[in-house]
Amino acid sequence: MAVVLAGDWNGYRILKAAALVRDGYVPNVLVSGPEIFDGHESDLAIAFAVHRGFPAEWFISLPHAAHSTKEEAGIILAELQRRNIHRFLLVTSDYHTGRAGRIFRAVERASGGGPDMRVVAAPDRDFQRESWWRQRQARKIVLLEWAKNFATALGM
């Protein structure tokens, strides 16, 4: 199974996960999404992917009320355990892979273990690893991600 983390307002994560199904790497996608406006981000992401030509049957919505990647990890890992999933691909933006992987592994350890996980990077038009310092939006992404890494290291 692929798991798409919430927080991608451009749809790159859901499209990467859909490509993983299309290419035969996974059978389906669990889409995480907190409440936004009058719905959940997960439902909007799925509608976006369907509008782009991917079958709705590939996606499973996981609405929740998490406010952080750590909270989201706990919810997702509990859902994977409930579904008896032993392996999954965690799909997130390329600049978020390191922190997301560390958080998920820490939550797994704290709960006594969990499924085997591989982190998959989804590209983002606002961030290119080889030239991020040249674009204002990318510099803001790096600054925010560093701040979140620091906060995570402090246990916040």
N, C-alpha and C. Protein backbone atom coordinates (compact mmCIF):
# COMPACT_ATOMS: atom_id res chain seq x y z
N MET A 1 0.84 -1.17 0.00
CA MET A 1 0.00 0.00 0.00
C MET A 1 0.89 1.24 0.00
N ALA A 2 0.42 2.28 -0.66
CA ALA A 2 1.07 3.59 -0.57
C ALA A 2 0.24 4.43 0.40
N VAL A 3 0.92 5.32 1.11
CA VAL A 3 0.25 6.23 2.02
C VAL A 3 0.68 7.64 1.64
N VAL A 4 -0.29 8.51 1.40
CA VAL A 4 -0.02 9.90 1.04
C VAL A 4 -0.22 10.77 2.26
N LEU A 5 0.83 11.47 2.66
CA LEU A 5 0.71 12.41 3.77
C LEU A 5 -0.03 13.66 3.35
N ALA A 6 -0.73 14.24 4.29
CA ALA A 6 -1.46 15.49 4.06
C ALA A 6 -0.47 16.65 3.93
N GLY A 7 -0.95 17.76 3.43
CA GLY A 7 -0.14 18.97 3.38
C GLY A 7 0.38 19.36 2.02
N ASP A 8 -0.07 18.69 0.98
CA ASP A 8 0.37 19.03 -0.37
C ASP A 8 -0.76 19.75 -1.09
N TRP A 9 -0.63 21.04 -1.26
CA TRP A 9 -1.70 21.83 -1.84
C TRP A 9 -1.66 21.85 -3.37
N ASN A 10 -0.66 21.21 -3.97
CA ASN A 10 -0.54 21.19 -5.43
C ASN A 10 -0.87 19.83 -6.05
N GLY A 11 -1.02 18.80 -5.25
CA GLY A 11 -1.42 17.49 -5.76
C GLY A 11 -0.28 16.58 -6.19
N TYR A 12 0.96 16.96 -5.95
CA TYR A 12 2.09 16.15 -6.40
C TYR A 12 2.17 14.82 -5.66
N ARG A 13 1.86 14.82 -4.38
CA ARG A 13 1.94 13.58 -3.60
C ARG A 13 0.92 12.56 -4.08
N ILE A 14 -0.32 12.97 -4.27
CA ILE A 14 -1.36 12.03 -4.69
C ILE A 14 -1.09 11.53 -6.10
N LEU A 15 -0.55 12.39 -6.97
CA LEU A 15 -0.24 11.95 -8.33
C LEU A 15 0.93 10.97 -8.33
N LYS A 16 1.92 11.17 -7.47
CA LYS A 16 3.03 10.22 -7.35
C LYS A 16 2.51 8.87 -6.87
N ALA A 17 1.63 8.88 -5.86
CA ALA A 17 1.07 7.64 -5.35
C ALA A 17 0.22 6.93 -6.42
N ALA A 18 -0.54 7.70 -7.17
CA ALA A 18 -1.35 7.12 -8.24
C ALA A 18 -0.45 6.46 -9.29
N ALA A 19 0.68 7.08 -9.59
CA ALA A 19 1.63 6.50 -10.53
C ALA A 19 2.20 5.19 -9.99
N LEU A 20 2.38 5.10 -8.68
CA LEU A 20 2.88 3.86 -8.08
C LEU A 20 1.87 2.72 -8.26
N VAL A 21 0.59 3.03 -8.17
CA VAL A 21 -0.44 2.01 -8.43
C VAL A 21 -0.44 1.66 -9.92
N ARG A 22 -0.47 2.68 -10.75
CA ARG A 22 -0.49 2.47 -12.21
C ARG A 22 0.69 1.61 -12.67
N ASP A 23 1.86 1.83 -12.07
CA ASP A 23 3.06 1.10 -12.47
C ASP A 23 3.22 -0.24 -11.76
N GLY A 24 2.25 -0.63 -10.94
CA GLY A 24 2.24 -1.95 -10.33
C GLY A 24 3.04 -2.12 -9.05
N TYR A 25 3.48 -1.03 -8.44
CA TYR A 25 4.25 -1.14 -7.20
C TYR A 25 3.37 -1.43 -5.99
N VAL A 26 2.16 -0.89 -5.98
CA VAL A 26 1.22 -1.09 -4.87
C VAL A 26 -0.19 -1.26 -5.45
N PRO A 27 -1.09 -1.92 -4.69
CA PRO A 27 -2.45 -2.10 -5.20
C PRO A 27 -3.37 -0.92 -4.94
N ASN A 28 -3.08 -0.11 -3.90
CA ASN A 28 -3.97 1.00 -3.58
C ASN A 28 -3.25 2.04 -2.74
N VAL A 29 -3.97 3.14 -2.45
CA VAL A 29 -3.39 4.29 -1.78
C VAL A 29 -4.29 4.73 -0.63
N LEU A 30 -3.71 4.82 0.55
CA LEU A 30 -4.39 5.41 1.71
C LEU A 30 -4.04 6.89 1.72
N VAL A 31 -5.06 7.74 1.68
CA VAL A 31 -4.84 9.18 1.56
C VAL A 31 -5.23 9.87 2.86
N SER A 32 -4.23 10.44 3.51
CA SER A 32 -4.42 11.11 4.80
C SER A 32 -4.92 12.53 4.57
N GLY A 33 -5.82 12.99 5.44
CA GLY A 33 -6.28 14.35 5.26
C GLY A 33 -7.06 14.91 6.43
N PRO A 34 -6.55 16.01 6.98
CA PRO A 34 -7.30 16.70 8.04
C PRO A 34 -8.49 17.47 7.46
N GLU A 35 -9.33 17.94 8.36
CA GLU A 35 -10.49 18.71 7.95
C GLU A 35 -10.05 20.08 7.44
N ILE A 36 -10.58 20.45 6.28
CA ILE A 36 -10.38 21.79 5.74
C ILE A 36 -11.70 22.26 5.14
N PHE A 37 -12.01 23.49 5.31
CA PHE A 37 -13.26 24.07 4.83
C PHE A 37 -14.43 23.20 5.28
N ASP A 38 -15.21 22.68 4.35
CA ASP A 38 -16.35 21.84 4.70
C ASP A 38 -16.11 20.38 4.34
N GLY A 39 -14.88 19.94 4.38
CA GLY A 39 -14.56 18.56 4.02
C GLY A 39 -13.22 18.17 4.59
N HIS A 40 -12.59 17.21 3.93
CA HIS A 40 -11.27 16.74 4.35
C HIS A 40 -10.32 16.80 3.16
N GLU A 41 -9.08 17.12 3.46
CA GLU A 41 -8.06 17.21 2.42
C GLU A 41 -7.96 15.90 1.64
N SER A 42 -8.13 14.77 2.33
CA SER A 42 -8.02 13.47 1.66
C SER A 42 -9.06 13.34 0.54
N ASP A 43 -10.28 13.76 0.80
CA ASP A 43 -11.33 13.67 -0.22
C ASP A 43 -11.06 14.61 -1.40
N LEU A 44 -10.54 15.79 -1.10
CA LEU A 44 -10.21 16.72 -2.18
C LEU A 44 -9.05 16.20 -3.03
N ALA A 45 -8.05 15.58 -2.37
CA ALA A 45 -6.92 15.02 -3.11
C ALA A 45 -7.37 13.88 -4.01
N ILE A 46 -8.23 13.03 -3.50
CA ILE A 46 -8.74 11.92 -4.30
C ILE A 46 -9.53 12.45 -5.50
N ALA A 47 -10.38 13.44 -5.28
CA ALA A 47 -11.14 14.04 -6.39
C ALA A 47 -10.19 14.62 -7.43
N PHE A 48 -9.11 15.24 -6.98
CA PHE A 48 -8.11 15.78 -7.90
C PHE A 48 -7.50 14.68 -8.76
N ALA A 49 -7.12 13.57 -8.13
CA ALA A 49 -6.51 12.45 -8.87
C ALA A 49 -7.50 11.84 -9.86
N VAL A 50 -8.74 11.70 -9.44
CA VAL A 50 -9.77 11.15 -10.32
C VAL A 50 -9.98 12.09 -11.51
N HIS A 51 -10.01 13.37 -11.24
CA HIS A 51 -10.14 14.37 -12.32
C HIS A 51 -8.98 14.27 -13.31
N ARG A 52 -7.81 13.85 -12.83
CA ARG A 52 -6.63 13.67 -13.69
C ARG A 52 -6.62 12.32 -14.39
N GLY A 53 -7.68 11.51 -14.22
CA GLY A 53 -7.81 10.27 -14.97
C GLY A 53 -7.53 8.98 -14.23
N PHE A 54 -7.27 9.05 -12.93
CA PHE A 54 -7.01 7.84 -12.16
C PHE A 54 -8.31 7.30 -11.57
N PRO A 55 -8.47 5.96 -11.51
CA PRO A 55 -9.71 5.38 -10.99
C PRO A 55 -9.91 5.64 -9.49
N ALA A 56 -11.12 6.01 -9.11
CA ALA A 56 -11.43 6.29 -7.71
C ALA A 56 -11.20 5.07 -6.83
N GLU A 57 -11.34 3.86 -7.40
CA GLU A 57 -11.20 2.62 -6.62
C GLU A 57 -9.79 2.43 -6.07
N TRP A 58 -8.82 3.13 -6.61
CA TRP A 58 -7.44 2.99 -6.15
C TRP A 58 -7.20 3.66 -4.80
N PHE A 59 -8.10 4.54 -4.39
CA PHE A 59 -7.85 5.41 -3.24
C PHE A 59 -8.77 5.11 -2.07
N ILE A 60 -8.20 5.23 -0.87
CA ILE A 60 -8.95 5.07 0.38
C ILE A 60 -8.74 6.35 1.19
N SER A 61 -9.81 7.04 1.51
CA SER A 61 -9.71 8.27 2.28
C SER A 61 -9.54 7.97 3.76
N LEU A 62 -8.63 8.69 4.40
CA LEU A 62 -8.43 8.58 5.85
C LEU A 62 -8.55 9.98 6.45
N PRO A 63 -9.78 10.43 6.67
CA PRO A 63 -9.97 11.74 7.29
C PRO A 63 -9.59 11.69 8.77
N HIS A 64 -9.06 12.80 9.27
CA HIS A 64 -8.65 12.86 10.67
C HIS A 64 -8.56 14.31 11.12
N ALA A 65 -8.16 14.51 12.36
CA ALA A 65 -8.05 15.86 12.91
C ALA A 65 -6.63 16.16 13.39
N ALA A 66 -5.63 15.49 12.83
CA ALA A 66 -4.24 15.69 13.24
C ALA A 66 -3.76 17.10 12.86
N HIS A 67 -2.85 17.64 13.69
CA HIS A 67 -2.29 18.96 13.44
C HIS A 67 -0.78 18.92 13.24
N SER A 68 -0.20 17.73 13.17
CA SER A 68 1.24 17.60 13.00
C SER A 68 1.55 16.27 12.32
N THR A 69 2.75 16.17 11.78
CA THR A 69 3.16 14.90 11.17
C THR A 69 3.21 13.80 12.22
N LYS A 70 3.59 14.11 13.45
CA LYS A 70 3.64 13.11 14.52
C LYS A 70 2.24 12.58 14.82
N GLU A 71 1.26 13.47 14.97
CA GLU A 71 -0.12 13.03 15.20
C GLU A 71 -0.62 12.21 14.01
N GLU A 72 -0.32 12.68 12.83
CA GLU A 72 -0.74 12.00 11.60
C GLU A 72 -0.13 10.59 11.54
N ALA A 73 1.15 10.47 11.94
CA ALA A 73 1.81 9.16 11.94
C ALA A 73 1.09 8.18 12.85
N GLY A 74 0.70 8.62 14.03
CA GLY A 74 -0.01 7.74 14.95
C GLY A 74 -1.32 7.25 14.37
N ILE A 75 -2.05 8.14 13.73
CA ILE A 75 -3.34 7.78 13.12
C ILE A 75 -3.13 6.81 11.96
N ILE A 76 -2.17 7.12 11.11
CA ILE A 76 -1.91 6.27 9.94
C ILE A 76 -1.42 4.89 10.36
N LEU A 77 -0.47 4.83 11.28
CA LEU A 77 0.06 3.53 11.70
C LEU A 77 -1.02 2.68 12.37
N ALA A 78 -1.91 3.29 13.13
CA ALA A 78 -3.02 2.55 13.73
C ALA A 78 -3.95 2.01 12.64
N GLU A 79 -4.19 2.81 11.61
CA GLU A 79 -5.06 2.36 10.50
C GLU A 79 -4.40 1.23 9.72
N LEU A 80 -3.10 1.32 9.49
CA LEU A 80 -2.40 0.25 8.79
C LEU A 80 -2.45 -1.04 9.60
N GLN A 81 -2.28 -0.93 10.92
CA GLN A 81 -2.37 -2.11 11.78
C GLN A 81 -3.79 -2.69 11.71
N ARG A 82 -4.80 -1.83 11.77
CA ARG A 82 -6.19 -2.29 11.69
C ARG A 82 -6.45 -3.04 10.38
N ARG A 83 -5.80 -2.60 9.31
CA ARG A 83 -5.97 -3.23 8.00
C ARG A 83 -5.01 -4.40 7.78
N ASN A 84 -4.18 -4.70 8.78
CA ASN A 84 -3.21 -5.80 8.71
C ASN A 84 -2.21 -5.62 7.57
N ILE A 85 -1.76 -4.38 7.39
CA ILE A 85 -0.76 -4.04 6.37
C ILE A 85 0.63 -4.25 6.96
N HIS A 86 1.48 -4.99 6.26
CA HIS A 86 2.83 -5.31 6.75
C HIS A 86 3.92 -4.46 6.10
N ARG A 87 3.63 -3.84 4.95
CA ARG A 87 4.60 -3.01 4.23
C ARG A 87 3.85 -1.85 3.58
N PHE A 88 4.52 -0.68 3.57
CA PHE A 88 3.88 0.43 2.87
C PHE A 88 4.94 1.41 2.38
N LEU A 89 4.55 2.18 1.37
CA LEU A 89 5.37 3.25 0.83
C LEU A 89 4.78 4.57 1.32
N LEU A 90 5.58 5.34 2.02
CA LEU A 90 5.14 6.63 2.54
C LEU A 90 5.49 7.70 1.51
N VAL A 91 4.48 8.31 0.92
CA VAL A 91 4.68 9.30 -0.14
C VAL A 91 4.53 10.70 0.44
N THR A 92 5.59 11.49 0.27
CA THR A 92 5.57 12.87 0.73
C THR A 92 6.46 13.71 -0.18
N SER A 93 6.45 15.00 0.01
CA SER A 93 7.27 15.90 -0.81
C SER A 93 8.74 15.62 -0.59
N ASP A 94 9.55 15.82 -1.62
CA ASP A 94 10.96 15.46 -1.53
C ASP A 94 11.69 16.17 -0.39
N TYR A 95 11.32 17.40 -0.09
CA TYR A 95 11.98 18.12 1.01
C TYR A 95 11.53 17.65 2.39
N HIS A 96 10.49 16.84 2.44
CA HIS A 96 9.88 16.39 3.70
C HIS A 96 10.23 14.93 4.02
N THR A 97 10.93 14.25 3.14
CA THR A 97 11.15 12.81 3.31
C THR A 97 11.94 12.47 4.57
N GLY A 98 13.00 13.19 4.84
CA GLY A 98 13.84 12.88 6.00
C GLY A 98 13.08 13.01 7.31
N ARG A 99 12.43 14.14 7.51
CA ARG A 99 11.71 14.37 8.76
C ARG A 99 10.53 13.42 8.90
N ALA A 100 9.79 13.23 7.82
CA ALA A 100 8.64 12.33 7.88
C ALA A 100 9.08 10.90 8.23
N GLY A 101 10.14 10.44 7.59
CA GLY A 101 10.65 9.09 7.89
C GLY A 101 11.08 8.95 9.33
N ARG A 102 11.80 9.96 9.85
CA ARG A 102 12.23 9.92 11.26
C ARG A 102 11.05 9.90 12.21
N ILE A 103 10.05 10.72 11.94
CA ILE A 103 8.87 10.77 12.80
C ILE A 103 8.13 9.45 12.78
N PHE A 104 7.89 8.88 11.61
CA PHE A 104 7.17 7.62 11.53
C PHE A 104 7.93 6.51 12.24
N ARG A 105 9.25 6.47 12.08
CA ARG A 105 10.04 5.43 12.76
C ARG A 105 9.99 5.60 14.27
N ALA A 106 10.03 6.83 14.75
CA ALA A 106 9.95 7.09 16.19
C ALA A 106 8.59 6.68 16.75
N VAL A 107 7.53 6.98 16.04
CA VAL A 107 6.18 6.61 16.49
C VAL A 107 6.04 5.09 16.48
N GLU A 108 6.60 4.44 15.45
CA GLU A 108 6.59 2.96 15.41
C GLU A 108 7.31 2.37 16.62
N ARG A 109 8.51 2.88 16.90
CA ARG A 109 9.29 2.38 18.05
C ARG A 109 8.52 2.57 19.35
N ALA A 110 7.91 3.73 19.52
CA ALA A 110 7.18 4.03 20.75
C ALA A 110 5.97 3.13 20.94
N SER A 111 5.42 2.65 19.83
CA SER A 111 4.24 1.79 19.93
C SER A 111 4.59 0.31 19.86
N GLY A 112 5.89 -0.01 19.87
CA GLY A 112 6.30 -1.42 19.89
C GLY A 112 6.52 -2.03 18.53
N GLY A 113 6.60 -1.23 17.49
CA GLY A 113 6.87 -1.75 16.14
C GLY A 113 5.73 -1.45 15.19
N GLY A 114 5.96 -1.77 13.94
CA GLY A 114 4.96 -1.49 12.92
C GLY A 114 5.37 -2.08 11.60
N PRO A 115 4.65 -1.75 10.57
CA PRO A 115 4.94 -2.31 9.25
C PRO A 115 6.25 -1.77 8.67
N ASP A 116 6.81 -2.53 7.74
CA ASP A 116 8.01 -2.11 7.03
C ASP A 116 7.66 -0.90 6.17
N MET A 117 8.49 0.12 6.22
CA MET A 117 8.19 1.37 5.52
C MET A 117 9.35 1.79 4.63
N ARG A 118 9.03 2.28 3.45
CA ARG A 118 9.97 2.95 2.57
C ARG A 118 9.38 4.31 2.25
N VAL A 119 10.22 5.34 2.26
CA VAL A 119 9.74 6.69 1.97
C VAL A 119 10.00 6.99 0.50
N VAL A 120 8.98 7.53 -0.16
CA VAL A 120 9.05 7.86 -1.58
C VAL A 120 8.88 9.36 -1.73
N ALA A 121 9.78 9.98 -2.47
CA ALA A 121 9.75 11.43 -2.67
C ALA A 121 8.89 11.80 -3.87
N ALA A 122 7.97 12.71 -3.63
CA ALA A 122 7.18 13.29 -4.72
C ALA A 122 7.80 14.62 -5.10
N PRO A 123 7.96 14.89 -6.38
CA PRO A 123 8.54 16.18 -6.79
C PRO A 123 7.59 17.32 -6.43
N ASP A 124 8.14 18.51 -6.37
CA ASP A 124 7.35 19.70 -6.06
C ASP A 124 7.85 20.84 -6.94
N ARG A 125 6.96 21.50 -7.62
CA ARG A 125 7.39 22.57 -8.55
C ARG A 125 8.04 23.74 -7.81
N ASP A 126 7.73 23.89 -6.52
CA ASP A 126 8.29 25.00 -5.76
C ASP A 126 9.61 24.68 -5.09
N PHE A 127 10.11 23.45 -5.27
CA PHE A 127 11.36 23.07 -4.62
C PHE A 127 12.15 22.13 -5.52
N GLN A 128 13.34 22.56 -5.90
CA GLN A 128 14.26 21.71 -6.64
C GLN A 128 15.53 21.61 -5.80
N ARG A 129 15.85 20.42 -5.38
CA ARG A 129 16.97 20.17 -4.47
C ARG A 129 18.28 20.76 -4.98
N GLU A 130 18.51 20.72 -6.27
CA GLU A 130 19.79 21.17 -6.83
C GLU A 130 19.88 22.68 -6.99
N SER A 131 18.76 23.41 -6.80
CA SER A 131 18.83 24.86 -6.98
C SER A 131 17.85 25.62 -6.09
N TRP A 132 17.51 25.07 -4.94
CA TRP A 132 16.49 25.67 -4.09
C TRP A 132 16.83 27.09 -3.66
N TRP A 133 18.08 27.43 -3.51
CA TRP A 133 18.48 28.75 -3.02
C TRP A 133 18.22 29.86 -4.03
N ARG A 134 17.86 29.51 -5.24
CA ARG A 134 17.63 30.51 -6.28
C ARG A 134 16.18 31.01 -6.33
N GLN A 135 15.26 30.28 -5.74
CA GLN A 135 13.84 30.65 -5.78
C GLN A 135 13.35 31.01 -4.39
N ARG A 136 12.65 32.11 -4.31
CA ARG A 136 12.15 32.60 -3.02
C ARG A 136 11.28 31.56 -2.32
N GLN A 137 10.32 30.98 -3.03
CA GLN A 137 9.42 30.00 -2.41
C GLN A 137 10.19 28.80 -1.89
N ALA A 138 11.18 28.35 -2.62
CA ALA A 138 11.99 27.21 -2.17
C ALA A 138 12.79 27.56 -0.92
N ARG A 139 13.31 28.78 -0.86
CA ARG A 139 14.04 29.20 0.35
C ARG A 139 13.12 29.21 1.56
N LYS A 140 11.87 29.63 1.37
CA LYS A 140 10.90 29.61 2.46
C LYS A 140 10.60 28.17 2.89
N ILE A 141 10.50 27.26 1.94
CA ILE A 141 10.26 25.85 2.26
C ILE A 141 11.41 25.30 3.10
N VAL A 142 12.65 25.60 2.70
CA VAL A 142 13.82 25.12 3.43
C VAL A 142 13.83 25.68 4.85
N LEU A 143 13.57 26.96 4.99
CA LEU A 143 13.55 27.57 6.31
C LEU A 143 12.49 26.93 7.21
N LEU A 144 11.29 26.75 6.68
CA LEU A 144 10.22 26.15 7.46
C LEU A 144 10.54 24.71 7.82
N GLU A 145 11.08 23.96 6.88
CA GLU A 145 11.42 22.56 7.16
C GLU A 145 12.53 22.46 8.20
N TRP A 146 13.52 23.35 8.14
CA TRP A 146 14.57 23.36 9.17
C TRP A 146 13.98 23.68 10.54
N ALA A 147 13.07 24.65 10.59
CA ALA A 147 12.42 24.99 11.86
C ALA A 147 11.64 23.79 12.40
N LYS A 148 10.94 23.09 11.53
CA LYS A 148 10.19 21.91 11.96
C LYS A 148 11.12 20.79 12.40
N ASN A 149 12.24 20.62 11.72
CA ASN A 149 13.24 19.63 12.16
C ASN A 149 13.76 19.97 13.55
N PHE A 150 14.05 21.24 13.80
CA PHE A 150 14.52 21.68 15.09
C PHE A 150 13.46 21.42 16.16
N ALA A 151 12.22 21.77 15.87
CA ALA A 151 11.13 21.55 16.82
C ALA A 151 10.95 20.05 17.10
N THR A 152 11.06 19.23 16.08
CA THR A 152 10.94 17.79 16.25
C THR A 152 12.06 17.27 17.14
N ALA A 153 13.27 17.76 16.93
CA ALA A 153 14.42 17.34 17.76
C ALA A 153 14.21 17.71 19.21
N LEU A 154 13.50 18.80 19.47
CA LEU A 154 13.22 19.23 20.84
C LEU A 154 11.99 18.53 21.44
N GLY A 155 11.36 17.68 20.64
CA GLY A 155 10.18 16.95 21.11
C GLY A 155 8.89 17.75 21.06
N MET A 156 8.88 18.78 20.26
CA MET A 156 7.70 19.63 20.15
C MET A 156 6.74 19.10 19.10
